[in-house]
Amino acid sequence: MPNYSYECQDCQNIFEIRVSIKDMEKREFTCNKCGSSNTRRLFNGFSYCGNSSSYKGNAGGCSSCHGGNCSACKH
């Protein structure tokens, strides 16, 4: 299941929710600090590491390891 980050617009608390994509679309999440439902979903970037001919990025590793040695880089 993916993690989604939210920010409370009332207290600026940032929190994560782990929920299925299907359930995420149906629910409104409340702040775990103040209980407000005035929350906004944050965009979390994603990365891809690999040796794919369709991938035009750094095939030598991701921005974390730069060499293909981390668990995200499966060569």
PDB file of N, CA and C in Angstrom:
ATOM      1  N   MET A   1       0.833  -1.181   0.000  1.00  0.00           N
ATOM      2  CA  MET A   1       0.000   0.000   0.000  1.00  0.00           C
ATOM      3  C   MET A   1       0.880   1.247   0.000  1.00  0.00           C
ATOM      4  N   PRO A   2       0.474   2.244  -0.727  1.00  0.00           N
ATOM      5  CA  PRO A   2       1.260   3.480  -0.775  1.00  0.00           C
ATOM      6  C   PRO A   2       1.055   4.339   0.467  1.00  0.00           C
ATOM      7  N   ASN A   3       2.054   5.168   0.733  1.00  0.00           N
ATOM      8  CA  ASN A   3       1.968   6.188   1.778  1.00  0.00           C
ATOM      9  C   ASN A   3       1.618   7.511   1.125  1.00  0.00           C
ATOM     10  N   TYR A   4       0.748   8.261   1.764  1.00  0.00           N
ATOM     11  CA  TYR A   4       0.377   9.587   1.299  1.00  0.00           C
ATOM     12  C   TYR A   4       0.677  10.575   2.409  1.00  0.00           C
ATOM     13  N   SER A   5       1.286  11.697   2.062  1.00  0.00           N
ATOM     14  CA  SER A   5       1.598  12.738   3.035  1.00  0.00           C
ATOM     15  C   SER A   5       0.539  13.825   2.961  1.00  0.00           C
ATOM     16  N   TYR A   6       0.131  14.287   4.133  1.00  0.00           N
ATOM     17  CA  TYR A   6      -0.846  15.355   4.250  1.00  0.00           C
ATOM     18  C   TYR A   6      -0.292  16.433   5.170  1.00  0.00           C
ATOM     19  N   GLU A   7      -0.750  17.661   4.942  1.00  0.00           N
ATOM     20  CA  GLU A   7      -0.413  18.767   5.832  1.00  0.00           C
ATOM     21  C   GLU A   7      -1.711  19.363   6.361  1.00  0.00           C
ATOM     22  N   CYS A   8      -1.761  19.560   7.671  1.00  0.00           N
ATOM     23  CA  CYS A   8      -2.903  20.199   8.284  1.00  0.00           C
ATOM     24  C   CYS A   8      -2.808  21.697   8.011  1.00  0.00           C
ATOM     25  N   GLN A   9      -3.864  22.275   7.478  1.00  0.00           N
ATOM     26  CA  GLN A   9      -3.877  23.697   7.158  1.00  0.00           C
ATOM     27  C   GLN A   9      -4.103  24.554   8.402  1.00  0.00           C
ATOM     28  N   ASP A  10      -4.498  23.932   9.519  1.00  0.00           N
ATOM     29  CA  ASP A  10      -4.726  24.674  10.758  1.00  0.00           C
ATOM     30  C   ASP A  10      -3.482  24.729  11.644  1.00  0.00           C
ATOM     31  N   CYS A  11      -2.787  23.597  11.814  1.00  0.00           N
ATOM     32  CA  CYS A  11      -1.622  23.580  12.718  1.00  0.00           C
ATOM     33  C   CYS A  11      -0.304  23.290  11.992  1.00  0.00           C
ATOM     34  N   GLN A  12      -0.337  23.119  10.673  1.00  0.00           N
ATOM     35  CA  GLN A  12       0.824  22.862   9.827  1.00  0.00           C
ATOM     36  C   GLN A  12       1.535  21.533  10.143  1.00  0.00           C
ATOM     37  N   ASN A  13       0.874  20.639  10.838  1.00  0.00           N
ATOM     38  CA  ASN A  13       1.428  19.316  11.100  1.00  0.00           C
ATOM     39  C   ASN A  13       1.448  18.517   9.799  1.00  0.00           C
ATOM     40  N   ILE A  14       2.563  17.845   9.531  1.00  0.00           N
ATOM     41  CA  ILE A  14       2.670  16.973   8.362  1.00  0.00           C
ATOM     42  C   ILE A  14       2.639  15.534   8.856  1.00  0.00           C
ATOM     43  N   PHE A  15       1.763  14.737   8.254  1.00  0.00           N
ATOM     44  CA  PHE A  15       1.611  13.351   8.687  1.00  0.00           C
ATOM     45  C   PHE A  15       1.408  12.462   7.476  1.00  0.00           C
ATOM     46  N   GLU A  16       1.665  11.168   7.660  1.00  0.00           N
ATOM     47  CA  GLU A  16       1.526  10.196   6.583  1.00  0.00           C
ATOM     48  C   GLU A  16       0.373   9.246   6.868  1.00  0.00           C
ATOM     49  N   ILE A  17      -0.286   8.861   5.797  1.00  0.00           N
ATOM     50  CA  ILE A  17      -1.367   7.879   5.846  1.00  0.00           C
ATOM     51  C   ILE A  17      -0.972   6.738   4.922  1.00  0.00           C
ATOM     52  N   ARG A  18      -1.090   5.519   5.393  1.00  0.00           N
ATOM     53  CA  ARG A  18      -0.848   4.343   4.548  1.00  0.00           C
ATOM     54  C   ARG A  18      -2.198   3.702   4.263  1.00  0.00           C
ATOM     55  N   VAL A  19      -2.608   3.786   3.007  1.00  0.00           N
ATOM     56  CA  VAL A  19      -3.942   3.320   2.633  1.00  0.00           C
ATOM     57  C   VAL A  19      -3.916   2.930   1.151  1.00  0.00           C
ATOM     58  N   SER A  20      -4.810   2.053   0.767  1.00  0.00           N
ATOM     59  CA  SER A  20      -4.885   1.654  -0.637  1.00  0.00           C
ATOM     60  C   SER A  20      -5.340   2.835  -1.491  1.00  0.00           C
ATOM     61  N   ILE A  21      -5.000   2.797  -2.756  1.00  0.00           N
ATOM     62  CA  ILE A  21      -5.391   3.872  -3.676  1.00  0.00           C
ATOM     63  C   ILE A  21      -6.909   3.989  -3.718  1.00  0.00           C
ATOM     64  N   LYS A  22      -7.599   2.873  -3.758  1.00  0.00           N
ATOM     65  CA  LYS A  22      -9.061   2.867  -3.809  1.00  0.00           C
ATOM     66  C   LYS A  22      -9.663   3.545  -2.580  1.00  0.00           C
ATOM     67  N   ASP A  23      -9.162   3.210  -1.394  1.00  0.00           N
ATOM     68  CA  ASP A  23      -9.692   3.801  -0.170  1.00  0.00           C
ATOM     69  C   ASP A  23      -9.277   5.257  -0.007  1.00  0.00           C
ATOM     70  N   MET A  24      -8.110   5.631  -0.519  1.00  0.00           N
ATOM     71  CA  MET A  24      -7.640   7.003  -0.406  1.00  0.00           C
ATOM     72  C   MET A  24      -8.574   7.958  -1.129  1.00  0.00           C
ATOM     73  N   GLU A  25      -9.113   7.553  -2.265  1.00  0.00           N
ATOM     74  CA  GLU A  25     -10.003   8.397  -3.046  1.00  0.00           C
ATOM     75  C   GLU A  25     -11.340   8.634  -2.339  1.00  0.00           C
ATOM     76  N   LYS A  26     -11.744   7.736  -1.465  1.00  0.00           N
ATOM     77  CA  LYS A  26     -13.050   7.803  -0.826  1.00  0.00           C
ATOM     78  C   LYS A  26     -13.042   8.546   0.511  1.00  0.00           C
ATOM     79  N   ARG A  27     -11.870   8.695   1.131  1.00  0.00           N
ATOM     80  CA  ARG A  27     -11.813   9.171   2.510  1.00  0.00           C
ATOM     81  C   ARG A  27     -11.276  10.582   2.639  1.00  0.00           C
ATOM     82  N   GLU A  28     -11.672  11.226   3.715  1.00  0.00           N
ATOM     83  CA  GLU A  28     -11.110  12.501   4.120  1.00  0.00           C
ATOM     84  C   GLU A  28     -10.322  12.223   5.398  1.00  0.00           C
ATOM     85  N   PHE A  29      -9.088  12.679   5.461  1.00  0.00           N
ATOM     86  CA  PHE A  29      -8.242  12.363   6.591  1.00  0.00           C
ATOM     87  C   PHE A  29      -8.130  13.540   7.540  1.00  0.00           C
ATOM     88  N   THR A  30      -8.100  13.243   8.820  1.00  0.00           N
ATOM     89  CA  THR A  30      -7.981  14.279   9.830  1.00  0.00           C
ATOM     90  C   THR A  30      -6.573  14.295  10.403  1.00  0.00           C
ATOM     91  N   CYS A  31      -6.163  15.463  10.865  1.00  0.00           N
ATOM     92  CA  CYS A  31      -4.839  15.650  11.445  1.00  0.00           C
ATOM     93  C   CYS A  31      -4.723  14.819  12.717  1.00  0.00           C
ATOM     94  N   ASN A  32      -3.617  14.101  12.852  1.00  0.00           N
ATOM     95  CA  ASN A  32      -3.422  13.280  14.034  1.00  0.00           C
ATOM     96  C   ASN A  32      -2.924  14.098  15.230  1.00  0.00           C
ATOM     97  N   LYS A  33      -2.664  15.391  15.033  1.00  0.00           N
ATOM     98  CA  LYS A  33      -2.219  16.261  16.120  1.00  0.00           C
ATOM     99  C   LYS A  33      -3.379  17.077  16.704  1.00  0.00           C
ATOM    100  N   CYS A  34      -4.155  17.746  15.824  1.00  0.00           N
ATOM    101  CA  CYS A  34      -5.218  18.628  16.322  1.00  0.00           C
ATOM    102  C   CYS A  34      -6.623  18.133  15.986  1.00  0.00           C
ATOM    103  N   GLY A  35      -6.743  17.137  15.128  1.00  0.00           N
ATOM    104  CA  GLY A  35      -8.042  16.575  14.790  1.00  0.00           C
ATOM    105  C   GLY A  35      -8.790  17.305  13.683  1.00  0.00           C
ATOM    106  N   SER A  36      -8.183  18.332  13.103  1.00  0.00           N
ATOM    107  CA  SER A  36      -8.834  19.097  12.042  1.00  0.00           C
ATOM    108  C   SER A  36      -8.962  18.264  10.771  1.00  0.00           C
ATOM    109  N   SER A  37     -10.040  18.479  10.041  1.00  0.00           N
ATOM    110  CA  SER A  37     -10.198  17.825   8.739  1.00  0.00           C
ATOM    111  C   SER A  37      -9.786  18.771   7.609  1.00  0.00           C
ATOM    112  N   ASN A  38      -9.239  19.922   7.962  1.00  0.00           N
ATOM    113  CA  ASN A  38      -8.762  20.903   6.987  1.00  0.00           C
ATOM    114  C   ASN A  38      -7.337  20.516   6.583  1.00  0.00           C
ATOM    115  N   THR A  39      -7.226  19.444   5.793  1.00  0.00           N
ATOM    116  CA  THR A  39      -5.927  18.905   5.404  1.00  0.00           C
ATOM    117  C   THR A  39      -5.745  18.987   3.895  1.00  0.00           C
ATOM    118  N   ARG A  40      -4.493  18.951   3.492  1.00  0.00           N
ATOM    119  CA  ARG A  40      -4.153  19.030   2.069  1.00  0.00           C
ATOM    120  C   ARG A  40      -3.121  17.943   1.775  1.00  0.00           C
ATOM    121  N   ARG A  41      -3.370  17.191   0.728  1.00  0.00           N
ATOM    122  CA  ARG A  41      -2.423  16.144   0.329  1.00  0.00           C
ATOM    123  C   ARG A  41      -1.198  16.782  -0.295  1.00  0.00           C
ATOM    124  N   LEU A  42      -0.010  16.321   0.105  1.00  0.00           N
ATOM    125  CA  LEU A  42       1.251  16.808  -0.434  1.00  0.00           C
ATOM    126  C   LEU A  42       1.727  15.876  -1.526  1.00  0.00           C
ATOM    127  N   PHE A  43       2.431  16.423  -2.482  1.00  0.00           N
ATOM    128  CA  PHE A  43       3.003  15.592  -3.532  1.00  0.00           C
ATOM    129  C   PHE A  43       4.340  15.054  -3.055  1.00  0.00           C
ATOM    130  N   ASN A  44       4.485  13.756  -3.080  1.00  0.00           N
ATOM    131  CA  ASN A  44       5.761  13.108  -2.784  1.00  0.00           C
ATOM    132  C   ASN A  44       6.338  12.657  -4.105  1.00  0.00           C
ATOM    133  N   GLY A  45       7.525  13.082  -4.394  1.00  0.00           N
ATOM    134  CA  GLY A  45       8.176  12.652  -5.626  1.00  0.00           C
ATOM    135  C   GLY A  45       8.438  11.163  -5.594  1.00  0.00           C
ATOM    136  N   PHE A  46       8.765  10.638  -6.711  1.00  0.00           N
ATOM    137  CA  PHE A  46       9.107   9.227  -6.798  1.00  0.00           C
ATOM    138  C   PHE A  46      10.379   9.108  -7.604  1.00  0.00           C
ATOM    139  N   SER A  47      11.021   7.990  -7.461  1.00  0.00           N
ATOM    140  CA  SER A  47      12.243   7.777  -8.226  1.00  0.00           C
ATOM    141  C   SER A  47      12.207   6.398  -8.855  1.00  0.00           C
ATOM    142  N   TYR A  48      13.028   6.252  -9.853  1.00  0.00           N
ATOM    143  CA  TYR A  48      13.124   4.970 -10.531  1.00  0.00           C
ATOM    144  C   TYR A  48      14.598   4.702 -10.803  1.00  0.00           C
ATOM    145  N   CYS A  49      15.037   3.523 -10.494  1.00  0.00           N
ATOM    146  CA  CYS A  49      16.397   3.125 -10.806  1.00  0.00           C
ATOM    147  C   CYS A  49      16.324   1.828 -11.603  1.00  0.00           C
ATOM    148  N   GLY A  50      17.150   1.703 -12.595  1.00  0.00           N
ATOM    149  CA  GLY A  50      17.161   0.466 -13.342  1.00  0.00           C
ATOM    150  C   GLY A  50      17.877   0.602 -14.658  1.00  0.00           C
ATOM    151  N   ASN A  51      18.103  -0.513 -15.304  1.00  0.00           N
ATOM    152  CA  ASN A  51      18.749  -0.560 -16.612  1.00  0.00           C
ATOM    153  C   ASN A  51      17.721  -0.924 -17.658  1.00  0.00           C
ATOM    154  N   SER A  52      16.816  -0.023 -17.940  1.00  0.00           N
ATOM    155  CA  SER A  52      15.795  -0.265 -18.940  1.00  0.00           C
ATOM    156  C   SER A  52      16.108   0.569 -20.170  1.00  0.00           C
ATOM    157  N   SER A  53      15.940   0.001 -21.329  1.00  0.00           N
ATOM    158  CA  SER A  53      16.209   0.739 -22.557  1.00  0.00           C
ATOM    159  C   SER A  53      15.212   1.874 -22.745  1.00  0.00           C
ATOM    160  N   SER A  54      14.050   1.786 -22.096  1.00  0.00           N
ATOM    161  CA  SER A  54      13.066   2.864 -22.211  1.00  0.00           C
ATOM    162  C   SER A  54      13.303   3.970 -21.198  1.00  0.00           C
ATOM    163  N   TYR A  55      14.192   3.731 -20.248  1.00  0.00           N
ATOM    164  CA  TYR A  55      14.492   4.726 -19.223  1.00  0.00           C
ATOM    165  C   TYR A  55      15.688   5.539 -19.661  1.00  0.00           C
ATOM    166  N   LYS A  56      15.560   6.853 -19.701  1.00  0.00           N
ATOM    167  CA  LYS A  56      16.615   7.720 -20.200  1.00  0.00           C
ATOM    168  C   LYS A  56      17.315   8.463 -19.065  1.00  0.00           C
ATOM    169  N   GLY A  57      17.415   7.873 -17.906  1.00  0.00           N
ATOM    170  CA  GLY A  57      18.026   8.539 -16.753  1.00  0.00           C
ATOM    171  C   GLY A  57      19.388   7.963 -16.437  1.00  0.00           C
ATOM    172  N   ASN A  58      19.815   8.145 -15.210  1.00  0.00           N
ATOM    173  CA  ASN A  58      21.108   7.667 -14.743  1.00  0.00           C
ATOM    174  C   ASN A  58      21.006   6.182 -14.433  1.00  0.00           C
ATOM    175  N   ALA A  59      21.501   5.338 -15.314  1.00  0.00           N
ATOM    176  CA  ALA A  59      21.415   3.892 -15.118  1.00  0.00           C
ATOM    177  C   ALA A  59      22.453   3.399 -14.127  1.00  0.00           C
ATOM    178  N   GLY A  60      23.324   4.286 -13.641  1.00  0.00           N
ATOM    179  CA  GLY A  60      24.348   3.897 -12.681  1.00  0.00           C
ATOM    180  C   GLY A  60      23.879   3.924 -11.252  1.00  0.00           C
ATOM    181  N   GLY A  61      22.650   4.274 -10.999  1.00  0.00           N
ATOM    182  CA  GLY A  61      22.136   4.310  -9.641  1.00  0.00           C
ATOM    183  C   GLY A  61      21.186   5.468  -9.450  1.00  0.00           C
ATOM    184  N   CYS A  62      20.594   5.505  -8.284  1.00  0.00           N
ATOM    185  CA  CYS A  62      19.646   6.576  -7.998  1.00  0.00           C
ATOM    186  C   CYS A  62      20.366   7.746  -7.336  1.00  0.00           C
ATOM    187  N   SER A  63      19.608   8.785  -7.018  1.00  0.00           N
ATOM    188  CA  SER A  63      20.215   9.962  -6.410  1.00  0.00           C
ATOM    189  C   SER A  63      20.719   9.689  -5.000  1.00  0.00           C
ATOM    190  N   SER A  64      20.289   8.590  -4.395  1.00  0.00           N
ATOM    191  CA  SER A  64      20.747   8.267  -3.049  1.00  0.00           C
ATOM    192  C   SER A  64      22.095   7.554  -3.043  1.00  0.00           C
ATOM    193  N   CYS A  65      22.270   6.580  -3.949  1.00  0.00           N
ATOM    194  CA  CYS A  65      23.485   5.769  -3.885  1.00  0.00           C
ATOM    195  C   CYS A  65      24.449   6.040  -5.029  1.00  0.00           C
ATOM    196  N   HIS A  66      23.978   6.593  -6.127  1.00  0.00           N
ATOM    197  CA  HIS A  66      24.801   6.928  -7.296  1.00  0.00           C
ATOM    198  C   HIS A  66      25.586   5.755  -7.863  1.00  0.00           C
ATOM    199  N   GLY A  67      25.304   4.564  -7.435  1.00  0.00           N
ATOM    200  CA  GLY A  67      26.068   3.447  -7.961  1.00  0.00           C
ATOM    201  C   GLY A  67      25.274   2.181  -8.143  1.00  0.00           C
ATOM    202  N   GLY A  68      23.986   2.219  -7.885  1.00  0.00           N
ATOM    203  CA  GLY A  68      23.166   1.036  -8.069  1.00  0.00           C
ATOM    204  C   GLY A  68      23.308   0.031  -6.943  1.00  0.00           C
ATOM    205  N   ASN A  69      23.706   0.482  -5.752  1.00  0.00           N
ATOM    206  CA  ASN A  69      23.940  -0.449  -4.656  1.00  0.00           C
ATOM    207  C   ASN A  69      22.892  -0.404  -3.565  1.00  0.00           C
ATOM    208  N   CYS A  70      21.866   0.405  -3.702  1.00  0.00           N
ATOM    209  CA  CYS A  70      20.853   0.454  -2.656  1.00  0.00           C
ATOM    210  C   CYS A  70      19.709  -0.509  -2.991  1.00  0.00           C
ATOM    211  N   SER A  71      18.792  -0.680  -2.049  1.00  0.00           N
ATOM    212  CA  SER A  71      17.691  -1.626  -2.274  1.00  0.00           C
ATOM    213  C   SER A  71      16.714  -1.140  -3.334  1.00  0.00           C
ATOM    214  N   ALA A  72      16.688   0.166  -3.633  1.00  0.00           N
ATOM    215  CA  ALA A  72      15.790   0.684  -4.652  1.00  0.00           C
ATOM    216  C   ALA A  72      16.309   0.414  -6.056  1.00  0.00           C
ATOM    217  N   CYS A  73      17.611   0.196  -6.183  1.00  0.00           N
ATOM    218  CA  CYS A  73      18.236  -0.025  -7.498  1.00  0.00           C
ATOM    219  C   CYS A  73      18.442  -1.518  -7.693  1.00  0.00           C
ATOM    220  N   LYS A  74      17.588  -2.109  -8.477  1.00  0.00           N
ATOM    221  CA  LYS A  74      17.681  -3.551  -8.727  1.00  0.00           C
ATOM    222  C   LYS A  74      18.163  -3.752 -10.148  1.00  0.00           C
ATOM    223  N   HIS A  75      19.452  -3.967 -10.314  1.00  0.00           N
ATOM    224  CA  HIS A  75      20.057  -4.138 -11.638  1.00  0.00           C
ATOM    225  C   HIS A  75      20.247  -5.605 -11.921  1.00  0.00           C
TER     226      HIS A  75
END
